[in-house]
C-alpha atoms as a PDB file:
ATOM      1  CA  MET A   1       0.000   0.000   0.000  1.00  0.00           C
ATOM      2  CA  ILE A   2       1.285   3.375  -0.925  1.00  0.00           C
ATOM      3  CA  GLU A   3       0.959   5.922   1.903  1.00  0.00           C
ATOM      4  CA  ARG A   4      -0.117   9.414   1.001  1.00  0.00           C
ATOM      5  CA  PRO A   5       1.904  12.224   2.512  1.00  0.00           C
ATOM      6  CA  TRP A   6       0.135  14.344   5.194  1.00  0.00           C
ATOM      7  CA  ASN A   7      -1.310  17.548   3.753  1.00  0.00           C
ATOM      8  CA  PRO A   8      -1.739  20.377   6.321  1.00  0.00           C
ATOM      9  CA  LYS A   9      -4.124  22.219   4.014  1.00  0.00           C
ATOM     10  CA  PRO A  10      -7.730  21.411   5.057  1.00  0.00           C
ATOM     11  CA  SER A  11     -10.313  20.324   2.570  1.00  0.00           C
ATOM     12  CA  LYS A  12     -12.719  22.832   1.074  1.00  0.00           C
ATOM     13  CA  ARG A  13     -15.628  21.293   2.912  1.00  0.00           C
ATOM     14  CA  GLY A  14     -13.823  21.494   6.217  1.00  0.00           C
ATOM     15  CA  VAL A  15     -13.131  25.166   5.721  1.00  0.00           C
ATOM     16  CA  ILE A  16     -16.782  25.886   5.073  1.00  0.00           C
ATOM     17  CA  ILE A  17     -17.891  23.937   8.126  1.00  0.00           C
ATOM     18  CA  ALA A  18     -15.322  25.689  10.301  1.00  0.00           C
ATOM     19  CA  LEU A  19     -16.351  29.117   9.073  1.00  0.00           C
ATOM     20  CA  CYS A  20     -19.981  28.350   9.720  1.00  0.00           C
ATOM     21  CA  LEU A  21     -19.189  27.261  13.267  1.00  0.00           C
ATOM     22  CA  VAL A  22     -17.197  30.422  13.882  1.00  0.00           C
ATOM     23  CA  LEU A  23     -20.006  32.622  12.568  1.00  0.00           C
ATOM     24  CA  VAL A  24     -22.628  30.796  14.627  1.00  0.00           C
ATOM     25  CA  ILE A  25     -20.513  31.061  17.775  1.00  0.00           C
ATOM     26  CA  ALA A  26     -19.739  34.744  17.145  1.00  0.00           C
ATOM     27  CA  ALA A  27     -23.347  35.561  16.449  1.00  0.00           C
ATOM     28  CA  GLY A  28     -24.433  33.680  19.532  1.00  0.00           C
ATOM     29  CA  VAL A  29     -21.921  35.435  21.756  1.00  0.00           C
ATOM     30  CA  GLY A  30     -22.932  38.843  20.345  1.00  0.00           C
ATOM     31  CA  TYR A  31     -26.614  38.074  20.624  1.00  0.00           C
ATOM     32  CA  LEU A  32     -26.326  36.750  24.178  1.00  0.00           C
ATOM     33  CA  GLY A  33     -24.283  39.811  25.069  1.00  0.00           C
ATOM     34  CA  ASN A  34     -27.239  42.008  24.131  1.00  0.00           C
ATOM     35  CA  LYS A  35     -29.779  41.367  26.847  1.00  0.00           C
ATOM     36  CA  GLU A  36     -32.376  43.578  25.231  1.00  0.00           C
ATOM     37  CA  ALA A  37     -32.138  41.696  21.980  1.00  0.00           C
ATOM     38  CA  VAL A  38     -32.615  38.450  23.866  1.00  0.00           C
ATOM     39  CA  ARG A  39     -35.597  39.857  25.720  1.00  0.00           C
ATOM     40  CA  ASN A  40     -37.111  41.160  22.515  1.00  0.00           C
ATOM     41  CA  PHE A  41     -36.723  37.770  20.937  1.00  0.00           C
ATOM     42  CA  LEU A  42     -38.309  36.069  23.933  1.00  0.00           C
ATOM     43  CA  ASP A  43     -41.153  38.604  24.010  1.00  0.00           C
ATOM     44  CA  GLN A  44     -41.975  37.810  20.402  1.00  0.00           C
ATOM     45  CA  TYR A  45     -41.516  34.079  20.980  1.00  0.00           C
ATOM     46  CA  ASN A  46     -43.783  34.080  24.043  1.00  0.00           C
ATOM     47  CA  GLY A  47     -46.419  36.205  22.313  1.00  0.00           C
ATOM     48  CA  ASN A  48     -46.008  39.267  24.550  1.00  0.00           C
ATOM     49  CA  GLU A  49     -45.411  41.655  21.647  1.00  0.00           C
ATOM     50  CA  TYR A  50     -47.294  42.447  18.481  1.00  0.00           C
ATOM     51  CA  SER A  51     -45.428  42.071  15.222  1.00  0.00           C
ATOM     52  CA  GLY A  52     -46.098  43.891  12.002  1.00  0.00           C
ATOM     53  CA  SER A  53     -46.858  47.490  11.092  1.00  0.00           C
ATOM     54  CA  GLY A  54     -50.040  47.815  13.135  1.00  0.00           C
ATOM     55  CA  SER A  55     -53.773  47.889  12.643  1.00  0.00           C
ATOM     56  CA  GLN A  56     -56.264  50.777  12.836  1.00  0.00           C
ATOM     57  CA  THR A  57     -55.147  54.296  13.811  1.00  0.00           C
ATOM     58  CA  ILE A  58     -56.196  55.942  17.075  1.00  0.00           C
ATOM     59  CA  ASP A  59     -55.500  59.181  18.946  1.00  0.00           C
ATOM     60  CA  PHE A  60     -53.510  58.402  22.084  1.00  0.00           C
ATOM     61  CA  HIS A  61     -53.442  61.010  24.870  1.00  0.00           C
ATOM     62  CA  VAL A  62     -50.499  61.729  27.143  1.00  0.00           C
ATOM     63  CA  TYR A  63     -51.566  63.931  30.018  1.00  0.00           C
ATOM     64  CA  LYS A  64     -49.433  66.256  32.099  1.00  0.00           C
ATOM     65  CA  GLY A  65     -47.823  64.303  34.929  1.00  0.00           C
ATOM     66  CA  ASP A  66     -48.333  60.863  33.350  1.00  0.00           C
ATOM     67  CA  THR A  67     -45.712  58.325  34.497  1.00  0.00           C
ATOM     68  CA  GLY A  68     -44.298  55.407  32.553  1.00  0.00           C
ATOM     69  CA  VAL A  69     -46.587  53.109  34.520  1.00  0.00           C
ATOM     70  CA  GLU A  70     -49.691  55.072  33.520  1.00  0.00           C
ATOM     71  CA  ILE A  71     -48.622  55.295  29.884  1.00  0.00           C
ATOM     72  CA  ALA A  72     -47.876  51.560  29.731  1.00  0.00           C
ATOM     73  CA  LYS A  73     -51.324  50.774  31.165  1.00  0.00           C
ATOM     74  CA  ALA A  74     -53.011  53.105  28.681  1.00  0.00           C
ATOM     75  CA  LEU A  75     -51.106  51.658  25.719  1.00  0.00           C
ATOM     76  CA  VAL A  76     -52.254  48.146  26.586  1.00  0.00           C
ATOM     77  CA  ALA A  77     -55.792  49.256  27.443  1.00  0.00           C
ATOM     78  CA  GLN A  78     -56.151  50.828  23.984  1.00  0.00           C
ATOM     79  CA  ASP A  79     -54.580  47.768  22.284  1.00  0.00           C
ATOM     80  CA  VAL A  80     -51.569  49.712  21.046  1.00  0.00           C
ATOM     81  CA  THR A  81     -49.220  47.257  22.747  1.00  0.00           C
ATOM     82  CA  LYS A  82     -49.960  43.747  23.938  1.00  0.00           C
ATOM     83  CA  ASP A  83     -48.518  43.156  27.392  1.00  0.00           C
ATOM     84  CA  TYR A  84     -48.271  45.620  30.263  1.00  0.00           C
ATOM     85  CA  GLU A  85     -45.117  44.282  31.926  1.00  0.00           C
ATOM     86  CA  THR A  86     -43.350  44.016  28.585  1.00  0.00           C
ATOM     87  CA  THR A  87     -44.305  47.554  27.609  1.00  0.00           C
ATOM     88  CA  LEU A  88     -43.276  48.950  30.989  1.00  0.00           C
ATOM     89  CA  ARG A  89     -39.897  47.201  30.811  1.00  0.00           C
ATOM     90  CA  HIS A  90     -39.254  48.729  27.391  1.00  0.00           C
ATOM     91  CA  ILE A  91     -40.205  52.168  28.710  1.00  0.00           C
ATOM     92  CA  PHE A  92     -37.829  51.821  31.678  1.00  0.00           C
ATOM     93  CA  SER A  93     -35.072  50.613  29.370  1.00  0.00           C
ATOM     94  CA  ALA A  94     -35.490  53.477  26.886  1.00  0.00           C
ATOM     95  CA  ASN A  95     -35.989  56.068  29.672  1.00  0.00           C
ATOM     96  CA  PRO A  96     -37.812  58.457  27.296  1.00  0.00           C
ATOM     97  CA  THR A  97     -39.188  61.916  28.060  1.00  0.00           C
ATOM     98  CA  PHE A  98     -42.910  62.035  27.366  1.00  0.00           C
ATOM     99  CA  PHE A  99     -44.608  65.362  26.655  1.00  0.00           C
ATOM    100  CA  PRO A 100     -48.344  65.968  27.074  1.00  0.00           C
ATOM    101  CA  GLY A 101     -50.301  65.849  23.845  1.00  0.00           C
ATOM    102  CA  THR A 102     -52.380  63.741  21.521  1.00  0.00           C
ATOM    103  CA  TYR A 103     -50.472  61.326  19.309  1.00  0.00           C
ATOM    104  CA  ARG A 104     -51.804  59.566  16.247  1.00  0.00           C
ATOM    105  CA  MET A 105     -50.607  55.969  16.276  1.00  0.00           C
ATOM    106  CA  PRO A 106     -51.605  52.520  15.014  1.00  0.00           C
ATOM    107  CA  THR A 107     -52.865  49.795  17.311  1.00  0.00           C
ATOM    108  CA  GLN A 108     -51.194  46.409  17.699  1.00  0.00           C
ATOM    109  CA  ILE A 109     -47.559  47.474  17.394  1.00  0.00           C
ATOM    110  CA  SER A 110     -44.434  46.642  19.377  1.00  0.00           C
ATOM    111  CA  SER A 111     -43.529  48.490  22.550  1.00  0.00           C
ATOM    112  CA  ASP A 112     -40.427  49.992  20.957  1.00  0.00           C
ATOM    113  CA  LYS A 113     -42.419  51.333  18.015  1.00  0.00           C
ATOM    114  CA  ALA A 114     -45.013  52.845  20.364  1.00  0.00           C
ATOM    115  CA  ILE A 115     -42.263  54.584  22.338  1.00  0.00           C
ATOM    116  CA  GLN A 116     -40.685  55.931  19.146  1.00  0.00           C
ATOM    117  CA  ILE A 117     -44.001  57.526  18.183  1.00  0.00           C
ATOM    118  CA  LEU A 118     -44.561  59.045  21.626  1.00  0.00           C
ATOM    119  CA  VAL A 119     -41.184  60.827  21.601  1.00  0.00           C
ATOM    120  CA  ASP A 120     -41.591  62.112  18.022  1.00  0.00           C
ATOM    121  CA  PRO A 121     -43.016  65.681  18.062  1.00  0.00           C
ATOM    122  CA  THR A 122     -44.166  65.329  14.444  1.00  0.00           C
ATOM    123  CA  GLN A 123     -46.710  62.750  15.608  1.00  0.00           C
ATOM    124  CA  VAL A 124     -48.516  65.209  17.877  1.00  0.00           C
ATOM    125  CA  VAL A 125     -52.059  65.873  16.671  1.00  0.00           C
ATOM    126  CA  VAL A 126     -53.281  69.454  17.050  1.00  0.00           C
ATOM    127  CA  ASN A 127     -55.946  71.721  15.627  1.00  0.00           C
ATOM    128  CA  ARG A 128     -54.035  74.742  14.355  1.00  0.00           C
ATOM    129  CA  VAL A 129     -55.869  78.016  13.825  1.00  0.00           C
ATOM    130  CA  LEU A 130     -54.680  81.531  13.028  1.00  0.00           C
ATOM    131  CA  VAL A 131     -56.744  84.253  14.676  1.00  0.00           C
ATOM    132  CA  GLN A 132     -55.792  87.553  13.053  1.00  0.00           C
ATOM    133  CA  GLU A 133     -55.829  90.976  14.662  1.00  0.00           C
ATOM    134  CA  GLY A 134     -59.003  92.998  14.270  1.00  0.00           C
ATOM    135  CA  LEU A 135     -61.471  90.092  14.136  1.00  0.00           C
ATOM    136  CA  ARG A 136     -64.778  90.389  15.914  1.00  0.00           C
ATOM    137  CA  LEU A 137     -65.948  87.711  18.286  1.00  0.00           C
ATOM    138  CA  SER A 138     -68.434  86.279  15.787  1.00  0.00           C
ATOM    139  CA  VAL A 139     -65.754  85.829  13.123  1.00  0.00           C
ATOM    140  CA  THR A 140     -63.330  84.325  15.633  1.00  0.00           C
ATOM    141  CA  PHE A 141     -65.930  81.735  16.650  1.00  0.00           C
ATOM    142  CA  LYS A 142     -66.314  80.688  12.998  1.00  0.00           C
ATOM    143  CA  LYS A 143     -62.551  80.269  12.594  1.00  0.00           C
ATOM    144  CA  LEU A 144     -62.320  78.243  15.790  1.00  0.00           C
ATOM    145  CA  SER A 145     -65.236  76.075  14.684  1.00  0.00           C
ATOM    146  CA  ASN A 146     -63.671  75.384  11.283  1.00  0.00           C
ATOM    147  CA  ALA A 147     -60.385  74.365  12.900  1.00  0.00           C
ATOM    148  CA  THR A 148     -61.717  72.240  15.754  1.00  0.00           C
ATOM    149  CA  GLY A 149     -65.022  70.861  14.499  1.00  0.00           C
ATOM    150  CA  ILE A 150     -66.773  72.331  17.549  1.00  0.00           C
ATOM    151  CA  SER A 151     -69.958  74.147  16.551  1.00  0.00           C
ATOM    152  CA  VAL A 152     -70.202  77.930  16.634  1.00  0.00           C
ATOM    153  CA  SER A 153     -73.183  77.589  18.956  1.00  0.00           C
ATOM    154  CA  ASN A 154     -70.996  75.756  21.477  1.00  0.00           C
ATOM    155  CA  PHE A 155     -68.511  78.624  21.479  1.00  0.00           C
ATOM    156  CA  GLU A 156     -71.335  81.147  21.781  1.00  0.00           C
ATOM    157  CA  SER A 157     -72.841  79.227  24.678  1.00  0.00           C
ATOM    158  CA  ALA A 158     -69.501  78.944  26.489  1.00  0.00           C
ATOM    159  CA  ALA A 159     -68.828  82.662  25.991  1.00  0.00           C
ATOM    160  CA  LYS A 160     -72.101  83.712  27.630  1.00  0.00           C
ATOM    161  CA  ASN A 161     -70.887  82.794  31.105  1.00  0.00           C
ATOM    162  CA  ILE A 162     -68.648  85.866  31.448  1.00  0.00           C
ATOM    163  CA  SER A 163     -67.994  85.351  35.164  1.00  0.00           C
ATOM    164  CA  SER A 164     -66.246  82.025  34.511  1.00  0.00           C
ATOM    165  CA  PHE A 165     -63.410  83.804  32.659  1.00  0.00           C
ATOM    166  CA  ASP A 166     -62.541  86.201  35.487  1.00  0.00           C
ATOM    167  CA  LEU A 167     -62.771  89.305  33.309  1.00  0.00           C
ATOM    168  CA  PRO A 168     -62.908  92.903  34.543  1.00  0.00           C
ATOM    169  CA  LYS A 169     -66.398  93.713  35.800  1.00  0.00           C
ATOM    170  CA  GLU A 170     -66.792  96.340  33.058  1.00  0.00           C
ATOM    171  CA  ALA A 171     -66.484  93.790  30.254  1.00  0.00           C
ATOM    172  CA  PRO A 172     -69.854  93.322  28.501  1.00  0.00           C
ATOM    173  CA  SER A 173     -68.610  90.216  26.646  1.00  0.00           C
ATOM    174  CA  LEU A 174     -65.507  88.304  25.596  1.00  0.00           C
ATOM    175  CA  GLU A 175     -65.042  90.766  22.735  1.00  0.00           C
ATOM    176  CA  GLY A 176     -61.433  91.931  22.722  1.00  0.00           C
ATOM    177  CA  TYR A 177     -60.327  89.334  25.270  1.00  0.00           C
ATOM    178  CA  LEU A 178     -59.392  86.551  22.820  1.00  0.00           C
ATOM    179  CA  PHE A 179     -55.803  87.308  21.885  1.00  0.00           C
ATOM    180  CA  PRO A 180     -54.969  87.179  18.151  1.00  0.00           C
ATOM    181  CA  ALA A 181     -52.298  84.525  17.553  1.00  0.00           C
ATOM    182  CA  THR A 182     -51.641  81.127  16.011  1.00  0.00           C
ATOM    183  CA  TYR A 183     -52.892  78.408  18.337  1.00  0.00           C
ATOM    184  CA  ASP A 184     -52.333  74.657  18.415  1.00  0.00           C
ATOM    185  CA  PHE A 185     -55.287  73.203  20.299  1.00  0.00           C
ATOM    186  CA  GLN A 186     -55.395  69.614  21.498  1.00  0.00           C
ATOM    187  CA  PRO A 187     -58.324  67.823  19.828  1.00  0.00           C
ATOM    188  CA  ASP A 188     -59.914  66.846  23.159  1.00  0.00           C
ATOM    189  CA  LEU A 189     -60.359  70.440  24.369  1.00  0.00           C
ATOM    190  CA  THR A 190     -63.865  71.812  24.874  1.00  0.00           C
ATOM    191  CA  ALA A 191     -65.094  75.180  23.628  1.00  0.00           C
ATOM    192  CA  LYS A 192     -64.825  76.573  27.163  1.00  0.00           C
ATOM    193  CA  GLN A 193     -61.245  75.356  27.540  1.00  0.00           C
ATOM    194  CA  ILE A 194     -60.223  76.861  24.193  1.00  0.00           C
ATOM    195  CA  LEU A 195     -61.720  80.245  25.039  1.00  0.00           C
ATOM    196  CA  SER A 196     -60.091  80.150  28.469  1.00  0.00           C
ATOM    197  CA  LEU A 197     -56.668  79.569  26.896  1.00  0.00           C
ATOM    198  CA  MET A 198     -57.170  82.545  24.589  1.00  0.00           C
ATOM    199  CA  VAL A 199     -58.339  84.780  27.434  1.00  0.00           C
ATOM    200  CA  GLU A 200     -55.329  83.754  29.491  1.00  0.00           C
ATOM    201  CA  ARG A 201     -53.068  84.637  26.565  1.00  0.00           C
ATOM    202  CA  THR A 202     -54.553  88.150  26.579  1.00  0.00           C
ATOM    203  CA  LYS A 203     -53.982  88.479  30.320  1.00  0.00           C
ATOM    204  CA  GLU A 204     -50.414  87.276  29.853  1.00  0.00           C
ATOM    205  CA  GLN A 205     -49.814  89.979  27.230  1.00  0.00           C
ATOM    206  CA  LEU A 206     -51.218  92.671  29.525  1.00  0.00           C
ATOM    207  CA  ARG A 207     -49.077  91.490  32.438  1.00  0.00           C
ATOM    208  CA  ASN A 208     -45.967  91.407  30.265  1.00  0.00           C
ATOM    209  CA  ASP A 209     -46.725  94.964  29.155  1.00  0.00           C
ATOM    210  CA  GLY A 210     -46.958  96.047  32.776  1.00  0.00           C
ATOM    211  CA  VAL A 211     -50.656  96.948  32.662  1.00  0.00           C
ATOM    212  CA  ALA A 212     -52.291  97.045  36.095  1.00  0.00           C
ATOM    213  CA  GLN A 213     -55.328  94.784  36.311  1.00  0.00           C
ATOM    214  CA  LYS A 214     -57.590  97.749  37.052  1.00  0.00           C
ATOM    215  CA  ASP A 215     -56.593  99.194  33.657  1.00  0.00           C
ATOM    216  CA  TRP A 216     -57.052  96.046  31.577  1.00  0.00           C
ATOM    217  CA  HIS A 217     -60.473  96.920  30.218  1.00  0.00           C
ATOM    218  CA  LYS A 218     -59.628 100.527  29.406  1.00  0.00           C
ATOM    219  CA  THR A 219     -56.392  99.481  27.676  1.00  0.00           C
ATOM    220  CA  LEU A 220     -58.010  96.754  25.581  1.00  0.00           C
ATOM    221  CA  THR A 221     -60.884  99.030  24.623  1.00  0.00           C
ATOM    222  CA  LEU A 222     -58.600 101.789  23.352  1.00  0.00           C
ATOM    223  CA  ALA A 223     -56.279  99.250  21.701  1.00  0.00           C
ATOM    224  CA  SER A 224     -59.195  97.721  19.795  1.00  0.00           C
ATOM    225  CA  VAL A 225     -60.215 101.115  18.390  1.00  0.00           C
ATOM    226  CA  ILE A 226     -56.610 101.788  17.365  1.00  0.00           C
ATOM    227  CA  GLN A 227     -56.472  98.323  15.774  1.00  0.00           C
ATOM    228  CA  MET A 228     -59.511  99.061  13.625  1.00  0.00           C
ATOM    229  CA  GLU A 229     -58.695 102.667  12.740  1.00  0.00           C
ATOM    230  CA  ALA A 230     -54.950 102.530  11.983  1.00  0.00           C
ATOM    231  CA  ARG A 231     -54.100 101.449   8.447  1.00  0.00           C
ATOM    232  CA  LEU A 232     -50.301 101.232   8.574  1.00  0.00           C
ATOM    233  CA  PRO A 233     -48.070  99.890  11.390  1.00  0.00           C
ATOM    234  CA  GLN A 234     -46.268 103.209  11.779  1.00  0.00           C
ATOM    235  CA  ASP A 235     -49.590 105.006  12.244  1.00  0.00           C
ATOM    236  CA  PHE A 236     -50.743 102.981  15.263  1.00  0.00           C
ATOM    237  CA  TYR A 237     -48.934 105.272  17.691  1.00  0.00           C
ATOM    238  CA  LYS A 238     -50.152 108.456  15.987  1.00  0.00           C
ATOM    239  CA  VAL A 239     -53.757 107.226  16.043  1.00  0.00           C
ATOM    240  CA  SER A 240     -53.318 106.461  19.727  1.00  0.00           C
ATOM    241  CA  ARG A 241     -52.055 109.987  20.405  1.00  0.00           C
ATOM    242  CA  THR A 242     -54.933 111.520  18.448  1.00  0.00           C
ATOM    243  CA  PHE A 243     -57.506 109.661  20.546  1.00  0.00           C
ATOM    244  CA  LYS A 244     -55.689 110.422  23.802  1.00  0.00           C
ATOM    245  CA  ASN A 245     -55.574 114.108  22.908  1.00  0.00           C
ATOM    246  CA  ARG A 246     -59.341 114.066  22.366  1.00  0.00           C
ATOM    247  CA  LEU A 247     -59.960 112.194  25.621  1.00  0.00           C
ATOM    248  CA  ALA A 248     -57.814 114.704  27.495  1.00  0.00           C
ATOM    249  CA  ILE A 249     -59.985 117.644  26.450  1.00  0.00           C
ATOM    250  CA  GLY A 250     -63.339 115.845  26.589  1.00  0.00           C
ATOM    251  CA  MET A 251     -63.724 115.780  22.818  1.00  0.00           C
ATOM    252  CA  HIS A 252     -65.767 112.903  21.355  1.00  0.00           C
ATOM    253  CA  LEU A 253     -63.651 110.248  19.669  1.00  0.00           C
ATOM    254  CA  GLN A 254     -66.004 110.143  16.684  1.00  0.00           C
ATOM    255  CA  SER A 255     -64.660 106.765  15.572  1.00  0.00           C
ATOM    256  CA  ASP A 256     -66.593 105.236  12.704  1.00  0.00           C
ATOM    257  CA  ALA A 257     -65.185 101.838  13.681  1.00  0.00           C
ATOM    258  CA  THR A 258     -66.978 101.959  17.042  1.00  0.00           C
ATOM    259  CA  VAL A 259     -70.183 103.198  15.426  1.00  0.00           C
ATOM    260  CA  SER A 260     -70.098 100.366  12.901  1.00  0.00           C
ATOM    261  CA  TYR A 261     -69.611  97.829  15.685  1.00  0.00           C
ATOM    262  CA  GLY A 262     -72.552  99.271  17.608  1.00  0.00           C
ATOM    263  CA  VAL A 263     -74.930  98.759  14.674  1.00  0.00           C
ATOM    264  CA  GLN A 264     -73.324  95.432  13.659  1.00  0.00           C
ATOM    265  CA  GLY A 265     -72.085  96.971  10.411  1.00  0.00           C
ATOM    266  CA  SER A 266     -69.555  95.238   8.202  1.00  0.00           C
ATOM    267  CA  THR A 267     -67.499  98.281   7.156  1.00  0.00           C
ATOM    268  CA  VAL A 268     -65.663 101.103   8.916  1.00  0.00           C
ATOM    269  CA  SER A 269     -67.562 103.772   6.964  1.00  0.00           C
ATOM    270  CA  THR A 270     -70.904 104.691   8.524  1.00  0.00           C
ATOM    271  CA  SER A 271     -74.091 106.553   7.578  1.00  0.00           C
ATOM    272  CA  SER A 272     -75.760 109.449   9.370  1.00  0.00           C
ATOM    273  CA  ALA A 273     -78.349 106.985  10.660  1.00  0.00           C
ATOM    274  CA  ASP A 274     -75.582 104.790  12.097  1.00  0.00           C
ATOM    275  CA  ARG A 275     -74.025 107.785  13.810  1.00  0.00           C
ATOM    276  CA  ALA A 276     -77.375 108.679  15.340  1.00  0.00           C
ATOM    277  CA  ASN A 277     -78.007 105.188  16.719  1.00  0.00           C
ATOM    278  CA  ASN A 278     -78.201 105.212  20.520  1.00  0.00           C
ATOM    279  CA  ASN A 279     -75.813 102.549  21.820  1.00  0.00           C
ATOM    280  CA  GLY A 280     -72.804 102.394  24.113  1.00  0.00           C
ATOM    281  CA  TYR A 281     -70.369 102.087  21.214  1.00  0.00           C
ATOM    282  CA  ASN A 282     -71.454 105.302  19.491  1.00  0.00           C
ATOM    283  CA  THR A 283     -68.543 107.641  20.098  1.00  0.00           C
ATOM    284  CA  TYR A 284     -70.279 110.341  18.071  1.00  0.00           C
ATOM    285  CA  LEU A 285     -73.066 110.519  20.635  1.00  0.00           C
ATOM    286  CA  TYR A 286     -71.059 109.816  23.788  1.00  0.00           C
ATOM    287  CA  ALA A 287     -67.730 111.148  25.013  1.00  0.00           C
ATOM    288  CA  GLY A 288     -64.966 108.863  26.209  1.00  0.00           C
ATOM    289  CA  LEU A 289     -64.218 105.305  25.225  1.00  0.00           C
ATOM    290  CA  PRO A 290     -66.944 102.900  24.081  1.00  0.00           C
ATOM    291  CA  VAL A 291     -68.310 100.484  26.683  1.00  0.00           C
ATOM    292  CA  GLY A 292     -65.937  97.756  25.586  1.00  0.00           C
ATOM    293  CA  PRO A 293     -63.488  96.527  22.931  1.00  0.00           C
ATOM    294  CA  ILE A 294     -64.741  96.237  19.363  1.00  0.00           C
ATOM    295  CA  ALA A 295     -62.278  93.576  18.118  1.00  0.00           C
ATOM    296  CA  GLY A 296     -59.239  91.538  19.056  1.00  0.00           C
ATOM    297  CA  SER A 297     -56.159  93.722  19.574  1.00  0.00           C
ATOM    298  CA  GLY A 298     -52.671  92.576  18.662  1.00  0.00           C
ATOM    299  CA  ALA A 299     -49.503  93.270  20.635  1.00  0.00           C
ATOM    300  CA  GLN A 300     -48.719  96.397  18.602  1.00  0.00           C
ATOM    301  CA  ALA A 301     -52.131  97.956  19.158  1.00  0.00           C
ATOM    302  CA  ILE A 302     -51.834  97.343  22.902  1.00  0.00           C
ATOM    303  CA  ASP A 303     -48.341  98.818  22.899  1.00  0.00           C
ATOM    304  CA  ALA A 304     -49.622 101.857  20.972  1.00  0.00           C
ATOM    305  CA  ALA A 305     -52.385 102.377  23.517  1.00  0.00           C
ATOM    306  CA  LEU A 306     -49.753 102.419  26.241  1.00  0.00           C
ATOM    307  CA  HIS A 307     -47.080 104.399  24.399  1.00  0.00           C
ATOM    308  CA  PRO A 308     -48.616 106.929  21.990  1.00  0.00           C
ATOM    309  CA  ALA A 309     -46.460 109.067  19.735  1.00  0.00           C
ATOM    310  CA  GLU A 310     -45.744 112.688  20.584  1.00  0.00           C
ATOM    311  CA  GLY A 311     -48.003 115.146  18.761  1.00  0.00           C
ATOM    312  CA  LYS A 312     -50.928 117.564  18.995  1.00  0.00           C
ATOM    313  CA  TRP A 313     -53.179 115.914  16.425  1.00  0.00           C
ATOM    314  CA  LEU A 314     -56.919 115.915  16.935  1.00  0.00           C
ATOM    315  CA  TYR A 315     -57.912 114.515  13.528  1.00  0.00           C
ATOM    316  CA  PHE A 316     -56.809 111.928  11.022  1.00  0.00           C
ATOM    317  CA  CYS A 317     -58.185 110.852   7.662  1.00  0.00           C
ATOM    318  CA  THR A 318     -57.101 108.035   5.379  1.00  0.00           C
ATOM    319  CA  ILE A 319     -56.839 109.623   1.945  1.00  0.00           C
ATOM    320  CA  ASN A 320     -55.968 106.450   0.026  1.00  0.00           C
ATOM    321  CA  LEU A 321     -57.822 103.330   1.127  1.00  0.00           C
ATOM    322  CA  LYS A 322     -55.702 101.138  -1.088  1.00  0.00           C
ATOM    323  CA  THR A 323     -52.306 102.135   0.302  1.00  0.00           C
ATOM    324  CA  GLY A 324     -53.503 103.197   3.753  1.00  0.00           C
ATOM    325  CA  GLU A 325     -51.945 106.644   3.467  1.00  0.00           C
ATOM    326  CA  THR A 326     -53.317 108.728   6.325  1.00  0.00           C
ATOM    327  CA  VAL A 327     -53.094 112.455   7.066  1.00  0.00           C
ATOM    328  CA  PHE A 328     -52.951 113.623  10.703  1.00  0.00           C
ATOM    329  CA  SER A 329     -54.062 117.191  11.453  1.00  0.00           C
ATOM    330  CA  GLU A 330     -54.033 119.536  14.425  1.00  0.00           C
ATOM    331  CA  THR A 331     -56.801 121.842  13.159  1.00  0.00           C
ATOM    332  CA  TYR A 332     -60.233 121.217  11.732  1.00  0.00           C
ATOM    333  CA  ALA A 333     -59.375 123.332   8.663  1.00  0.00           C
ATOM    334  CA  ASP A 334     -56.424 121.105   7.806  1.00  0.00           C
ATOM    335  CA  HIS A 335     -58.571 118.067   8.467  1.00  0.00           C
ATOM    336  CA  GLN A 336     -61.135 119.271   5.947  1.00  0.00           C
ATOM    337  CA  LYS A 337     -58.400 119.472   3.319  1.00  0.00           C
ATOM    338  CA  ALA A 338     -57.566 115.824   4.011  1.00  0.00           C
ATOM    339  CA  VAL A 339     -61.253 114.884   3.787  1.00  0.00           C
ATOM    340  CA  ALA A 340     -61.395 116.550   0.354  1.00  0.00           C
ATOM    341  CA  LEU A 341     -58.469 114.386  -0.772  1.00  0.00           C
ATOM    342  CA  TRP A 342     -60.284 111.271   0.476  1.00  0.00           C
ATOM    343  CA  ARG A 343     -63.478 112.215  -1.373  1.00  0.00           C
ATOM    344  CA  GLU A 344     -61.518 112.785  -4.557  1.00  0.00           C
ATOM    345  CA  TRP A 345     -59.911 109.382  -4.179  1.00  0.00           C
ATOM    346  CA  MET A 346     -63.327 107.778  -3.695  1.00  0.00           C
ATOM    347  CA  LYS A 347     -64.533 109.406  -6.920  1.00  0.00           C
ATOM    348  CA  GLN A 348     -61.603 107.944  -8.775  1.00  0.00           C
ATOM    349  CA  ASN A 349     -62.197 104.534  -7.229  1.00  0.00           C
ATOM    350  CA  PRO A 350     -65.966 103.940  -7.443  1.00  0.00           C
ATOM    351  CA  GLY A 351     -67.353 100.920  -5.691  1.00  0.00           C
ATOM    352  CA  TRP A 352     -64.505 100.714  -3.192  1.00  0.00           C
ATOM    353  CA  ASN A 353     -65.817  98.988  -0.082  1.00  0.00           C
ATOM    354  CA  ASP A 354     -64.273 100.413   3.034  1.00  0.00           C
END
């Protein structure tokens, strides 16, 4: 028999088997070294976790002060995750920071996926609405209704209980007390809660501006008239001074904006009949400020009411309704010249609705 010499080079098959063993051992060591991976595997194996991309979509609420325990219970109760202890363990392991809000998420998903959604700010569900400066209460209610799905009548009903909003005793309504801004409302808020948030935003603005609480109503009332009468940002402070000069000498404000509000008109321009109407907003008939605000005032209008420009003006007239160009006058004679310019502009622009 002829003996074959020993060949230290292993066979091809042996190499493959050896490599496979090494890979299996390495993978096993790495896998066993990751306790979370092992737990995740066991959770799936024991049926404690959902697999897949989820089922129907729900709105999940995280409330202020909610703990991981409460969130884990709620996730299981709403069938987002499957097992309470498993979900809670994943929350403790991830140690996330949860923020109050409403999150849109699928049901029947893994604990890790649920946590990822709850820490993602893009998943927060809100009703966003822009409330512009100068809107009346009735228009604001319509905008809020369109954004939230809550009926206008619900907002009107909530607004009737004035005492529940802790307003100054002089306030005849919520008019002027809903601060113009962009709001993100949680979808579970009621009409009363939404209005309360907006009122509080107004109070916050007044406090930040250093307005004493006893002066809130007077400040908002004047600011609302400025808001509706001033056409250009730079004129807010001059309009404020004009009105303050009139108030100082007991001269009627003669604001068409207040008259229009008093007769529920839709334009700033008024008729002789409007100006003769007997109501608390008619500043042609009565001296001083109207009985309350006539619209929502922005931060600039409030600032103008508090910090008027320096000047001796007693009159102003917008001579170009398209550009907002306004002439301020100290004498009635000069004011009449400005009025003539406005009338000429109106002739050249027939049908313009002011």
